[in-house]
Amino acid sequence: MVTLESATVAVSDLTRHKLRSFLTMLGMIFGVGAVVAMLSIGAGAEKESLRIIESFGIRNIIIQAKDFKPEELRQIRTESLGVNLRDVEALQAVLKPKPLISAKRVVKTFQVVSETSRADSRVLGVSSTYPAIQNLRLLQGSFFFPADEQSNAQVCVLGIAAKQKLFGFGHVLGRQVKVNDQWLTVIGVLADANVEKSEFEGVKIQNPNNDIYIPITTAIKKFEGDTVENELNEVIVETHLQADLKEQASTVNNLMSAMHRYVDDYSIVVPEKLLEQNQRTQGIFNIVMGAIASISLLVGGIGIMNIMLASVLERTNEIGLRRALGARRLDIRVQFMTEAIAISLSGGIIGVGLGYGISRLVAVYSGWSTIITVASIVLSFGVSSAVGLVFGIYPAVQASNLDPIECLRYE
């Protein structure tokens, strides 16, 4: 048991040899700093991954048309019509419980202008269910309705960046945007989507802030496209909460294969699988970084043991004198154990500060999100205390086993 006297003696000895004590702590400082930084970067990466997956839709199945060279595409069209509205109708008819489905088509544009300005915005034809599936929030107005799709209405909804490029910061509802040779009426503006990354696990992430949305039927019927191209670029299926996602993904794949005559002209992305893949990658990262941090802690522990053994030799007379005055072996053992733990804890405190600084630098210079958790700090202190305890046992036992008479004779 650590007494006030043993703690006082331990602190006194450490402060008497400040440089030696600090150098001994370095291994612990770097080890604990690495642990805290690793865990904070890992926690930030996990939070960012979850946020990205939520933007994809954790229960979504995404069907994407593949890109081919023109000559390859003409050959493929002799067998498959590509991703089109027929696929959407088939999916709606087959999948049970009934999911939410949205089609998406990228409109080829040569101009996007308002009465006073122009923009480089992307124009997308989508279904009225698109904002619900993609978790898009409206800042002004409303999204278009199924009736707008049925009537091929010439209306549009602007991303916040597209709105600012075309109209600045003024009122926009009811104003006109010309896409190619078609005039569209603005009926809504989307809130900032706050998308920072352009890719996740090999899948491109589109920032909706600079997009303009129009009804899918309007995009197909009023904007010309190459006849051999896919009618749709993407179909998003949001599965029902009661449906088994893997089973639904298998059903979608089988249906699409049959609809496309088993031509491999589409790909299926399941965000849940992307999350699992990302978690596996993150796990490997944590193991590697943990191993590096463990090596630093091991080196720090060896350094503590080395210094404590040297301290035992240096203070042999002191040990003998204390024993002669009535100190028990346990008292000597506790004294040296206290010193080892004090070195470890001091290094741990400085290491936490170092780890915090590293995580903040990573966040600033790389744009990664980092999170310092209470668990990481508790773990770091726990590990540093354990290292001090384990590597302080042998020197403490050696000191307590010294013969008092031999110690008093030692020079």
Foldseek 3Di string as FASTA:
>chain_A
DFDPVLLVVLVVVCVVPVVLLVVLLVLLLQLLLLLQLLQQLLVLVLVVLVLVLVLQPQQKKKKFFADDDPVVLVVLVVQFLTDDVVLVVVLQVPDPPGWDKKFKAWFDFPWKAFPPFTDPFTEMAMAQCVCVRSVWAFPDFHGDDVVCLVVLAQAKEAAQVLCCRHPNPDDQAQGWMATHNDIYGYGTYIDQPPDDDQDALRHGDDGRNRYMYGHLNNSQPVGDDDSSDHSTRMMMTRDDPPDDSVVSNVVSVVSVCVNSVNDPRMDMDNSNVSSVVVVVVSVVSSVVSNVVSVVSLVVSLVSLLVVLLVVLLVCLQVLLVCVVVPDALVSLLSSQLSSLLVSLQVSLVSSSVSSVVVNVVCCVPVVGRTGRDPVSSVVSSVSSNVSSNVSSNVSSNVSSPDDSVVSNVRD
